[in-house]
Amino acid sequence: MSNGDGEMTKMAIGNGMDVEPGRVAEARQGAYTTTGVLFLLFAVIQLGWTVKGITDLKDHPGPKDYLLALGDPASGYARYFLGSPEDVALSLALLIVAFVAFAKRRAARGAAVALAFVTLFLEARGLVGLHNTMYRSIFLHSGTENMLRVATWGVGVLFSVIVLIVMLRASESSEMEAMGMSPGAAYGSSSGGYSDGPQTQW
């Protein structure tokens, strides 16, 4: 590696580009914090519906039957629009990715983008049905609970879109460009790299 490449690498480290392997640079940590907060909040909302589903069970002693239904679809538990086993799985996934994002690990970015797309599809699906008059009357004109369910779908869509925007913009190349560096400058390489510094001649 030439002296020019070494200086560029030191400059990148000094500007917080790669302080610790596996950890995001300081300039991008805000996006990860935002993602963690939004995913955590939506997971809590979803789990709140799950708790309500458990307390609303009829002719059942309570959580024991619900836990049985999570692994046995033939147990007879009446699933709700929200609070179903699928929603529990989504909530757990949101919590896991949220905590990885809070830890500022680079692995959180890909996981967050993928999970945001899944959440966006699931929550938007509930809203799409509002074009139907009968469906709309059920959720918008039949009590506060159903209206809160629509609001939950709307919050899910909003949070997912925000996460997609902030995480897709939090790429390493975009950060380097913001600092006036080429994508390969921080990782100067004498062979096949993108460094703007002088290259070693062989």
Protein backbone atom coordinates (compact mmCIF):
# COMPACT_ATOMS: atom_id res chain seq x y z
CA MET A 1 0.00 0.00 0.00
CA SER A 2 1.39 3.41 -0.92
CA ASN A 3 1.78 6.28 1.52
CA GLY A 4 -1.11 8.05 -0.16
CA ASP A 5 -3.41 5.10 0.49
CA GLY A 6 -2.28 4.90 4.10
CA GLU A 7 -3.01 8.59 4.64
CA MET A 8 -6.48 8.22 3.15
CA THR A 9 -7.21 5.26 5.42
CA LYS A 10 -6.07 7.19 8.49
CA MET A 11 -8.19 10.13 7.40
CA ALA A 12 -11.23 7.89 7.09
CA ILE A 13 -10.66 6.41 10.56
CA GLY A 14 -10.11 9.84 12.02
CA ASN A 15 -13.45 10.99 10.61
CA GLY A 16 -15.33 8.08 12.16
CA MET A 17 -15.69 6.07 8.97
CA ASP A 18 -14.49 2.75 10.34
CA VAL A 19 -13.72 3.01 14.04
CA GLU A 20 -14.67 -0.56 14.88
CA PRO A 21 -15.21 -3.55 12.56
CA GLY A 22 -18.89 -4.38 12.28
CA ARG A 23 -20.00 -1.07 13.79
CA VAL A 24 -21.48 1.77 11.76
CA ALA A 25 -19.66 5.07 11.41
CA GLU A 26 -20.72 7.90 13.67
CA ALA A 27 -22.18 9.89 10.77
CA ARG A 28 -24.73 7.14 10.11
CA GLN A 29 -25.67 6.22 13.67
CA GLY A 30 -28.67 8.55 13.69
CA ALA A 31 -30.40 6.45 11.04
CA TYR A 32 -29.86 3.31 13.11
CA THR A 33 -31.22 4.96 16.25
CA THR A 34 -34.30 6.16 14.35
CA THR A 35 -34.88 2.65 13.02
CA GLY A 36 -34.49 1.12 16.47
CA VAL A 37 -36.98 3.54 18.02
CA LEU A 38 -39.63 3.07 15.30
CA PHE A 39 -39.34 -0.72 15.24
CA LEU A 40 -39.47 -0.87 19.04
CA LEU A 41 -42.57 1.34 19.19
CA PHE A 42 -44.41 -0.67 16.54
CA ALA A 43 -43.48 -3.96 18.21
CA VAL A 44 -44.96 -2.66 21.47
CA ILE A 45 -48.16 -1.62 19.65
CA GLN A 46 -48.47 -5.06 18.05
CA LEU A 47 -47.82 -6.83 21.34
CA GLY A 48 -50.46 -4.62 22.94
CA TRP A 49 -53.03 -6.05 20.54
CA THR A 50 -51.80 -9.53 21.43
CA VAL A 51 -52.33 -8.87 25.14
CA LYS A 52 -55.82 -7.57 24.39
CA GLY A 53 -56.54 -10.71 22.38
CA ILE A 54 -55.55 -12.84 25.36
CA THR A 55 -57.73 -10.88 27.79
CA ASP A 56 -60.69 -11.05 25.38
CA LEU A 57 -60.66 -14.84 25.14
CA LYS A 58 -64.04 -16.38 25.84
CA ASP A 59 -64.47 -19.71 27.62
CA HIS A 60 -60.71 -20.05 28.06
CA PRO A 61 -58.66 -19.76 31.24
CA GLY A 62 -56.29 -17.27 29.62
CA PRO A 63 -52.68 -17.08 28.39
CA LYS A 64 -52.10 -20.84 28.60
CA ASP A 65 -54.51 -21.53 25.75
CA TYR A 66 -53.11 -18.69 23.70
CA LEU A 67 -49.55 -19.97 24.09
CA LEU A 68 -50.76 -23.41 23.03
CA ALA A 69 -52.38 -21.88 19.94
CA LEU A 70 -49.08 -20.30 18.91
CA GLY A 71 -47.71 -23.76 18.14
CA ASP A 72 -50.91 -25.66 17.44
CA PRO A 73 -53.36 -24.11 14.94
CA ALA A 74 -55.88 -26.85 15.76
CA SER A 75 -56.18 -25.81 19.41
CA GLY A 76 -59.36 -23.84 18.73
CA TYR A 77 -58.10 -20.36 19.54
CA ALA A 78 -60.13 -17.75 17.66
CA ARG A 79 -57.61 -15.50 15.92
CA TYR A 80 -58.11 -11.76 15.81
CA PHE A 81 -57.32 -9.38 12.97
CA LEU A 82 -54.35 -8.28 15.06
CA GLY A 83 -52.64 -10.31 17.76
CA SER A 84 -52.46 -13.51 15.73
CA PRO A 85 -49.41 -15.81 15.94
CA GLU A 86 -48.13 -14.21 12.74
CA ASP A 87 -48.25 -10.80 14.40
CA VAL A 88 -46.37 -12.17 17.40
CA ALA A 89 -43.64 -13.44 15.07
CA LEU A 90 -43.48 -10.01 13.38
CA SER A 91 -43.24 -8.30 16.77
CA LEU A 92 -40.34 -10.51 17.83
CA ALA A 93 -38.54 -9.83 14.55
CA LEU A 94 -39.06 -6.08 15.04
CA LEU A 95 -37.64 -6.28 18.56
CA ILE A 96 -34.57 -8.23 17.45
CA VAL A 97 -33.73 -5.86 14.60
CA ALA A 98 -34.44 -2.85 16.83
CA PHE A 99 -31.89 -3.94 19.42
CA VAL A 100 -29.29 -4.74 16.74
CA ALA A 101 -29.88 -1.24 15.34
CA PHE A 102 -29.49 0.28 18.81
CA ALA A 103 -26.16 -1.54 19.05
CA LYS A 104 -25.14 0.29 15.84
CA ARG A 105 -24.16 -2.93 14.07
CA ARG A 106 -23.85 -2.81 10.29
CA ALA A 107 -25.82 -6.04 9.98
CA ALA A 108 -28.91 -4.16 11.11
CA ARG A 109 -29.15 -2.20 7.86
CA GLY A 110 -29.95 -5.09 5.54
CA ALA A 111 -32.22 -6.73 8.12
CA ALA A 112 -34.07 -3.47 8.74
CA VAL A 113 -34.66 -2.82 5.04
CA ALA A 114 -35.97 -6.35 4.47
CA LEU A 115 -38.20 -6.24 7.56
CA ALA A 116 -39.50 -2.78 6.64
CA PHE A 117 -40.62 -4.12 3.23
CA VAL A 118 -42.40 -7.04 4.92
CA THR A 119 -44.07 -4.79 7.48
CA LEU A 120 -45.08 -2.32 4.78
CA PHE A 121 -46.78 -5.07 2.78
CA LEU A 122 -48.60 -6.55 5.78
CA GLU A 123 -49.87 -3.24 7.13
CA ALA A 124 -50.73 -1.74 3.75
CA ARG A 125 -52.76 -4.85 2.95
CA GLY A 126 -55.22 -3.94 5.70
CA LEU A 127 -55.62 -0.42 4.34
CA VAL A 128 -56.15 -1.53 0.74
CA GLY A 129 -59.44 -3.17 1.69
CA LEU A 130 -60.91 0.20 2.64
CA HIS A 131 -61.89 0.73 -0.98
CA ASN A 132 -64.71 -1.76 -0.39
CA THR A 133 -67.84 -0.22 1.14
CA MET A 134 -68.70 -3.16 3.40
CA TYR A 135 -65.10 -3.58 4.57
CA ARG A 136 -64.85 0.15 5.22
CA SER A 137 -68.07 0.19 7.24
CA ILE A 138 -66.74 -2.56 9.49
CA PHE A 139 -63.54 -0.79 10.36
CA LEU A 140 -64.54 2.87 10.27
CA HIS A 141 -68.11 2.84 11.54
CA SER A 142 -68.35 0.02 14.08
CA GLY A 143 -66.61 1.11 17.24
CA THR A 144 -63.38 2.60 18.50
CA GLU A 145 -61.48 -0.71 18.53
CA ASN A 146 -61.78 -1.27 14.77
CA MET A 147 -60.80 2.33 14.09
CA LEU A 148 -57.71 1.80 16.24
CA ARG A 149 -56.86 -1.22 14.13
CA VAL A 150 -56.96 0.94 11.00
CA ALA A 151 -54.78 3.49 12.80
CA THR A 152 -52.32 0.70 13.65
CA TRP A 153 -52.06 -0.25 10.00
CA GLY A 154 -51.47 3.39 9.11
CA VAL A 155 -48.74 3.73 11.74
CA GLY A 156 -47.10 0.56 10.44
CA VAL A 157 -47.03 1.92 6.89
CA LEU A 158 -45.63 5.28 8.04
CA PHE A 159 -42.91 3.73 10.22
CA SER A 160 -41.91 1.30 7.46
CA VAL A 161 -41.56 4.07 4.87
CA ILE A 162 -39.44 6.18 7.25
CA VAL A 163 -37.15 3.23 8.01
CA LEU A 164 -36.73 2.48 4.31
CA ILE A 165 -35.81 6.10 3.57
CA VAL A 166 -33.30 6.57 6.38
CA MET A 167 -31.66 3.16 6.01
CA LEU A 168 -31.39 3.24 2.23
CA ARG A 169 -29.72 6.64 2.52
CA ALA A 170 -27.36 5.40 5.23
CA SER A 171 -25.03 3.59 2.84
CA GLU A 172 -21.27 3.81 3.18
CA SER A 173 -20.89 5.25 -0.32
CA SER A 174 -23.36 8.08 0.36
CA GLU A 175 -21.52 8.97 3.55
CA MET A 176 -18.15 9.09 1.77
CA GLU A 177 -19.59 11.27 -0.98
CA ALA A 178 -20.96 13.66 1.67
CA MET A 179 -17.42 13.95 3.02
CA GLY A 180 -16.03 14.65 -0.45
CA MET A 181 -14.43 11.22 -0.82
CA SER A 182 -14.81 8.60 -3.51
CA PRO A 183 -16.43 5.29 -2.45
CA GLY A 184 -13.07 3.51 -2.37
CA ALA A 185 -10.98 6.27 -0.87
CA ALA A 186 -11.26 5.04 2.70
CA TYR A 187 -10.17 1.59 1.66
CA GLY A 188 -7.27 2.53 -0.63
CA SER A 189 -6.15 -0.48 -2.54
CA SER A 190 -3.23 -1.01 -4.84
CA SER A 191 -5.15 -3.53 -6.92
CA GLY A 192 -8.69 -3.19 -8.17
CA GLY A 193 -9.71 -0.57 -5.59
CA TYR A 194 -11.36 2.79 -5.96
CA SER A 195 -8.76 4.90 -4.24
CA ASP A 196 -8.13 8.40 -5.53
CA GLY A 197 -4.65 8.29 -4.02
CA PRO A 198 -1.50 7.30 -5.89
CA GLN A 199 -1.24 3.69 -6.80
CA THR A 200 1.77 1.48 -6.29
CA GLN A 201 3.38 0.57 -9.58
CA TRP A 202 4.57 -2.99 -10.01
